[in-house]
Protein backbone atom coordinates (compact mmCIF):
# COMPACT_ATOMS: atom_id res chain seq x y z
CA MET A 1 9.68 36.01 37.14
CA GLN A 2 7.75 33.07 38.51
CA ARG A 3 7.73 29.50 37.22
CA LEU A 4 4.46 27.60 37.19
CA ARG A 5 4.09 24.39 39.17
CA GLY A 6 1.49 21.83 38.17
CA ALA A 7 -1.13 24.23 36.78
CA MET A 8 -4.58 22.66 37.05
CA ILE A 9 -7.80 23.26 35.14
CA GLU A 10 -10.80 23.93 37.32
CA SER A 11 -14.23 25.41 36.68
CA SER A 12 -15.13 28.79 38.15
CA LYS A 13 -17.51 31.63 37.46
CA GLY A 14 -16.93 35.32 37.20
CA SER A 15 -18.38 38.57 35.99
CA TYR A 16 -17.53 41.28 33.52
CA CYS A 17 -18.16 45.01 33.48
CA ALA A 18 -18.33 46.31 29.91
CA SER A 19 -17.22 49.82 30.85
CA ARG A 20 -13.83 48.81 32.24
CA GLY A 21 -11.42 45.90 32.47
CA THR A 22 -12.44 43.47 35.19
CA ALA A 23 -10.71 40.37 36.45
CA ILE A 24 -12.57 37.16 35.68
CA GLY A 25 -12.05 34.45 38.28
CA HIS A 26 -9.07 32.27 37.34
CA GLY A 27 -9.55 33.06 33.67
CA LEU A 28 -12.90 31.33 33.23
CA PHE A 29 -16.44 32.63 33.23
CA ARG A 30 -19.82 31.15 32.70
CA HIS A 31 -19.83 31.80 28.94
CA TRP A 32 -17.34 29.06 28.12
CA ARG A 33 -18.84 28.03 24.81
CA GLY A 34 -17.80 24.78 23.12
CA ILE A 35 -15.25 23.65 25.73
CA GLY A 36 -16.74 20.74 27.63
CA VAL A 37 -15.57 18.78 30.65
CA ALA A 38 -13.79 16.20 28.50
CA SER A 39 -11.76 18.91 26.75
CA LEU A 40 -10.79 20.55 30.02
CA LEU A 41 -9.69 17.22 31.47
CA ALA A 42 -7.66 16.50 28.37
CA MET A 43 -6.08 19.93 28.60
CA THR A 44 -5.23 19.31 32.25
CA ALA A 45 -3.60 15.98 31.57
CA ALA A 46 -1.52 17.34 28.70
CA GLY A 47 -0.96 20.76 30.23
CA GLU A 48 0.59 19.39 33.42
CA ALA A 49 3.43 17.98 31.38
CA THR A 50 4.33 21.36 29.89
CA ALA A 51 3.10 23.95 32.41
CA ASP A 52 6.36 23.79 34.37
CA ASP A 53 8.16 25.08 31.28
CA ILE A 54 6.02 28.22 31.04
CA VAL A 55 7.55 31.23 32.79
CA LEU A 56 5.23 34.04 33.86
CA SER A 57 6.20 37.55 32.87
CA SER A 58 7.14 39.86 35.74
CA GLU A 59 3.86 41.76 35.25
CA VAL A 60 1.66 38.67 35.40
CA ALA A 61 3.59 37.23 38.34
CA ALA A 62 3.23 40.48 40.29
CA THR A 63 -0.46 41.11 39.56
CA GLY A 64 -1.81 37.57 39.32
CA LYS A 65 -3.66 38.70 36.19
CA LEU A 66 -3.35 38.11 32.47
CA SER A 67 -4.44 41.50 31.11
CA ILE A 68 -5.74 41.44 27.54
CA ALA A 69 -6.90 44.47 25.54
CA ASN A 70 -9.71 43.65 23.12
CA THR A 71 -12.47 45.63 21.43
CA ILE A 72 -15.11 43.08 22.52
CA ASP A 73 -16.93 44.29 19.44
CA TYR A 74 -15.81 41.94 16.68
CA ALA A 75 -17.72 38.68 16.32
CA PRO A 76 -16.78 35.88 16.30
CA PHE A 77 -13.54 36.84 18.04
CA GLY A 78 -14.71 39.01 20.91
CA TYR A 79 -18.14 40.48 21.51
CA VAL A 80 -20.80 40.95 24.16
CA GLY A 81 -23.37 38.15 24.20
CA GLU A 82 -27.09 38.47 24.68
CA ASP A 83 -26.72 38.27 28.45
CA GLY A 84 -24.07 41.00 28.58
CA GLU A 85 -21.13 38.62 29.03
CA PRO A 86 -18.09 38.64 26.72
CA GLU A 87 -17.68 35.68 24.41
CA GLY A 88 -15.96 34.64 21.21
CA ILE A 89 -12.82 32.94 19.95
CA VAL A 90 -10.28 35.33 21.47
CA ILE A 91 -12.15 35.57 24.76
CA GLU A 92 -12.27 31.78 25.11
CA LEU A 93 -8.62 31.31 24.14
CA ALA A 94 -7.56 34.06 26.55
CA GLY A 95 -9.63 32.40 29.28
CA ALA A 96 -7.98 29.05 28.58
CA MET A 97 -4.56 30.67 28.63
CA ALA A 98 -5.20 32.40 31.96
CA LYS A 99 -6.44 29.09 33.33
CA LEU A 100 -3.28 27.35 32.21
CA LEU A 101 -1.16 30.10 33.80
CA LYS A 102 -3.32 29.83 36.95
CA VAL A 103 -4.08 33.55 37.05
CA ASP A 104 -7.15 35.73 36.55
CA LEU A 105 -8.15 37.03 33.15
CA ASP A 106 -8.41 40.83 33.05
CA LEU A 107 -10.22 42.04 29.91
CA GLN A 108 -9.52 45.65 29.00
CA ARG A 109 -12.19 46.81 26.55
CA THR A 110 -10.44 49.17 24.11
CA PRO A 111 -11.56 50.70 20.77
CA PHE A 112 -9.56 49.39 17.83
CA PRO A 113 -7.84 52.72 16.98
CA ALA A 114 -6.54 52.91 20.58
CA LEU A 115 -4.96 49.43 20.66
CA MET A 116 -1.59 50.26 19.09
CA PRO A 117 -1.20 53.54 21.04
CA GLY A 118 -2.12 51.64 24.21
CA LEU A 119 0.69 49.17 23.61
CA THR A 120 3.32 51.75 22.72
CA SER A 121 2.41 53.93 25.72
CA GLY A 122 2.57 50.98 28.12
CA ARG A 123 -1.11 51.03 29.13
CA PHE A 124 -1.19 47.28 28.52
CA SER A 125 1.21 44.60 27.26
CA ILE A 126 -1.05 42.43 25.10
CA ALA A 127 -3.65 43.43 22.52
CA TRP A 128 -5.40 40.29 21.34
CA GLU A 129 -7.20 40.99 18.09
CA THR A 130 -6.86 39.57 14.59
CA PHE A 131 -4.21 42.05 13.45
CA SER A 132 -2.84 41.90 9.95
CA ILE A 133 0.94 42.21 10.09
CA SER A 134 2.63 45.08 8.27
CA ALA A 135 6.08 46.66 8.23
CA GLU A 136 4.61 49.82 9.74
CA ARG A 137 3.04 47.95 12.65
CA LEU A 138 6.21 45.93 13.22
CA GLU A 139 8.03 49.18 13.92
CA GLN A 140 5.78 49.58 16.97
CA VAL A 141 4.94 46.05 18.20
CA ASP A 142 5.75 42.36 17.90
CA PHE A 143 3.20 39.71 16.93
CA ILE A 144 2.33 36.11 17.64
CA VAL A 145 0.51 34.53 14.71
CA PHE A 146 -2.45 32.37 15.74
CA LEU A 147 -4.79 32.51 12.73
CA ARG A 148 -4.90 33.27 9.03
CA GLY A 149 -7.41 35.21 7.02
CA GLY A 150 -7.96 37.86 4.39
CA ILE A 151 -10.25 40.77 3.65
CA ALA A 152 -13.69 40.33 2.12
CA ILE A 153 -16.51 42.47 0.78
CA SER A 154 -19.98 41.68 2.08
CA SER A 155 -23.26 43.27 1.13
CA ARG A 156 -27.00 42.71 1.15
CA PRO A 157 -28.13 39.83 -1.10
CA ASP A 158 -29.78 42.22 -3.56
CA LEU A 159 -26.44 44.00 -4.07
CA ALA A 160 -24.13 40.98 -4.01
CA LYS A 161 -24.01 40.62 -7.80
CA ASP A 162 -22.60 44.16 -8.08
CA PHE A 163 -19.37 43.02 -6.38
CA ALA A 164 -18.84 39.89 -8.47
CA ASP A 165 -16.33 41.29 -10.96
CA GLU A 166 -12.89 42.82 -10.51
CA TRP A 167 -14.10 46.42 -10.62
CA GLY A 168 -17.32 45.85 -8.73
CA ILE A 169 -16.26 47.97 -5.77
CA CYS A 170 -15.57 51.03 -7.92
CA GLY A 171 -18.06 53.82 -7.32
CA LYS A 172 -19.57 52.03 -4.32
CA ARG A 173 -20.10 53.32 -0.78
CA VAL A 174 -18.29 51.05 1.66
CA GLY A 175 -17.65 50.99 5.39
CA VAL A 176 -14.41 50.08 7.18
CA SER A 177 -13.10 50.02 10.74
CA ALA A 178 -10.84 52.95 11.55
CA GLY A 179 -7.14 52.12 11.27
CA SER A 180 -7.74 48.53 10.13
CA ALA A 181 -6.15 46.73 7.19
CA SER A 182 -9.49 47.15 5.40
CA ASP A 183 -9.20 50.91 5.80
CA PHE A 184 -5.91 50.95 3.87
CA LEU A 185 -7.04 48.32 1.37
CA VAL A 186 -10.01 50.43 0.30
CA ASP A 187 -7.71 53.41 -0.30
CA ARG A 188 -5.56 51.21 -2.54
CA LEU A 189 -8.56 49.78 -4.41
CA SER A 190 -9.97 53.24 -4.93
CA GLU A 191 -6.68 54.37 -6.47
CA GLU A 192 -6.73 51.33 -8.78
CA CYS A 193 -10.29 52.16 -9.81
CA VAL A 194 -9.33 55.71 -10.74
CA SER A 195 -6.19 54.51 -12.56
CA ASN A 196 -8.42 52.30 -14.69
CA SER A 197 -10.85 55.08 -15.57
CA GLN A 198 -13.40 53.90 -13.00
CA GLU A 199 -15.09 55.92 -10.28
CA GLY A 200 -13.28 55.88 -6.93
CA VAL A 201 -14.62 54.17 -3.82
CA ALA A 202 -16.58 56.28 -1.33
CA LYS A 203 -15.18 55.20 2.03
CA SER A 204 -16.90 55.70 5.40
CA VAL A 205 -14.89 55.02 8.56
CA PHE A 206 -16.51 53.55 11.67
CA ASN A 207 -15.25 52.74 15.16
CA SER A 208 -17.54 49.72 15.53
CA SER A 209 -18.07 46.72 13.25
CA GLN A 210 -21.70 46.63 14.40
CA ASP A 211 -22.13 50.18 13.13
CA ILE A 212 -20.82 49.11 9.72
CA VAL A 213 -23.29 46.23 9.52
CA GLN A 214 -26.17 48.51 10.52
CA ALA A 215 -25.13 51.06 7.90
CA VAL A 216 -25.21 48.40 5.17
CA MET A 217 -28.53 46.99 6.34
CA SER A 218 -30.12 50.45 6.42
CA GLY A 219 -28.85 51.32 2.93
CA ARG A 220 -26.56 54.17 4.04
CA ILE A 221 -23.63 52.33 2.46
CA ASP A 222 -23.45 49.52 -0.08
CA ALA A 223 -20.99 47.11 1.52
CA ARG A 224 -18.80 46.19 4.45
CA VAL A 225 -15.08 45.63 3.81
CA ASP A 226 -13.69 43.65 6.70
CA ASP A 227 -11.82 40.60 7.86
CA ALA A 228 -12.97 37.54 5.91
CA THR A 229 -13.35 35.37 9.01
CA ALA A 230 -15.62 37.85 10.78
CA SER A 231 -17.58 38.47 7.58
CA SER A 232 -18.10 34.76 6.96
CA TYR A 233 -19.22 34.29 10.55
CA PHE A 234 -21.78 37.08 10.30
CA GLU A 235 -23.16 35.65 7.05
CA ARG A 236 -23.69 32.31 8.83
CA ILE A 237 -25.30 33.57 12.04
CA SER A 238 -27.45 36.19 10.29
CA ASN A 239 -28.92 33.74 7.78
CA SER A 240 -27.24 35.61 4.93
CA GLN A 241 -28.54 39.09 5.69
CA LEU A 242 -25.10 40.09 4.40
CA VAL A 243 -23.42 37.89 1.78
CA VAL A 244 -19.67 37.59 1.34
CA ALA A 245 -18.37 38.15 -2.20
CA PRO A 246 -16.20 35.27 -3.49
CA ARG A 247 -13.05 37.34 -4.04
CA LEU A 248 -10.64 37.63 -1.08
CA PHE A 249 -7.95 40.27 -0.76
CA ASP A 250 -4.58 40.18 1.03
CA VAL A 251 -4.77 36.62 2.36
CA ALA A 252 -2.20 36.54 5.17
CA PRO A 253 -1.42 35.42 8.74
CA LEU A 254 -3.15 37.21 11.61
CA GLY A 255 -1.63 37.84 15.01
CA LEU A 256 -2.07 39.22 18.49
CA ALA A 257 0.20 42.16 19.35
CA ILE A 258 2.72 42.54 22.19
CA VAL A 259 4.85 45.51 23.25
CA LYS A 260 7.94 45.69 21.06
CA GLY A 261 10.89 43.89 22.61
CA ASP A 262 8.93 42.50 25.58
CA THR A 263 10.51 39.04 25.43
CA GLU A 264 9.08 37.98 28.81
CA THR A 265 5.51 38.46 27.66
CA SER A 266 6.16 37.08 24.18
CA GLN A 267 7.73 33.88 25.48
CA MET A 268 4.98 33.37 28.05
CA VAL A 269 2.16 33.88 25.55
CA LEU A 270 3.80 31.79 22.83
CA SER A 271 4.45 28.87 25.20
CA ALA A 272 0.93 28.97 26.63
CA LEU A 273 -0.68 29.28 23.22
CA ALA A 274 1.41 26.36 21.90
CA THR A 275 0.02 24.24 24.75
CA LEU A 276 -3.54 25.16 23.76
CA PHE A 277 -2.71 24.00 20.22
CA GLU A 278 -1.16 20.74 21.42
CA THR A 279 -4.03 19.87 23.76
CA GLY A 280 -6.71 20.52 21.13
CA VAL A 281 -8.37 23.44 22.90
CA TYR A 282 -7.43 25.85 20.09
CA HIS A 283 -9.00 23.67 17.41
CA GLU A 284 -12.15 23.02 19.44
CA VAL A 285 -12.72 26.74 19.94
CA LEU A 286 -12.35 27.43 16.21
CA GLU A 287 -14.63 24.55 15.26
CA GLN A 288 -17.30 25.70 17.70
CA HIS A 289 -17.42 29.06 15.91
CA GLY A 290 -17.19 27.64 12.38
CA MET A 291 -13.67 28.99 11.83
CA ALA A 292 -11.64 25.77 11.60
CA SER A 293 -10.58 26.51 8.01
CA TYR A 294 -8.69 29.58 9.24
CA ALA A 295 -6.44 27.65 11.66
CA VAL A 296 -2.64 27.74 11.40
CA ALA A 297 -0.43 24.70 12.04
CA ALA A 298 1.24 26.26 15.08
CA PRO A 299 1.58 29.71 16.67
CA TYR A 300 4.82 31.57 16.01
CA PHE A 301 6.59 34.82 16.91
CA VAL A 302 7.06 37.64 14.40
CA ASP A 303 9.23 40.73 14.82
CA SER A 304 10.11 41.05 11.12
CA LEU A 305 8.28 40.45 7.86
CA ASP A 306 10.94 37.81 7.14
CA ASP A 307 9.41 35.68 9.92
CA LEU A 308 6.05 35.29 8.18
CA ARG A 309 5.24 31.81 6.94
CA ASP A 310 3.35 30.88 3.81
CA GLU A 311 0.64 28.46 4.96
């Protein structure tokens, strides 16, 4: 393992190839949205005091890269911008973390259903998405909580009233991301509908959140069931083409995932992420994307459901 010495924050540019993971120069690229010079200088001043305490994992020390698996298909967390560059909350936080560690950021674009298998097979060590934390997932990976959220139903404005009451989803056609918490929630809600003499939910499974949105907009399905933060963000940037229903389901902490038992990587990521919290970078990124209300007080490690905090 390698200990950092006086990590500095410096501007640099890089490039990204959407078809494969590509190192981005020293963890920063030209799509650094919302983090200005003043913030970077503040992060440098504060980060120098704590960077010496952050120990690189053996993998990062050997490669000089912080490799992050992400779908890059889930606004506002990670997505491809209009100019073909990756952007979003996770992308910016990962870039800031790589910068703090003084290594390159290596983004590995991976479909959501392949993230857990990729971790358990050793293809990568970190999958940075907004994972809900379950007992089943904890059997395979560990988590670091960095956000909180829930699951929401969103639909076109002309259909929004249909989802206002408790049984509004019953009999509806909804879209979910394969293997997500929404996928399992819809199964549960459908069972509850049937148990209460209502029609079950017709579920369609998609590999892309963009495909779900397009299916709702085209009328192929009635609603999107997805993470509340992403749904709220889309409502804002789309000028309410899809409207989020007021009822939230399964409000809980969200975390990035790390290979089970990989204490080197967990300690490195937790320490670096804590520095981004302390220096204000974390909060600035969330505020820039309108997600400040989903912030947690501090990041923390979870390898058991008993570790989850109620906040």
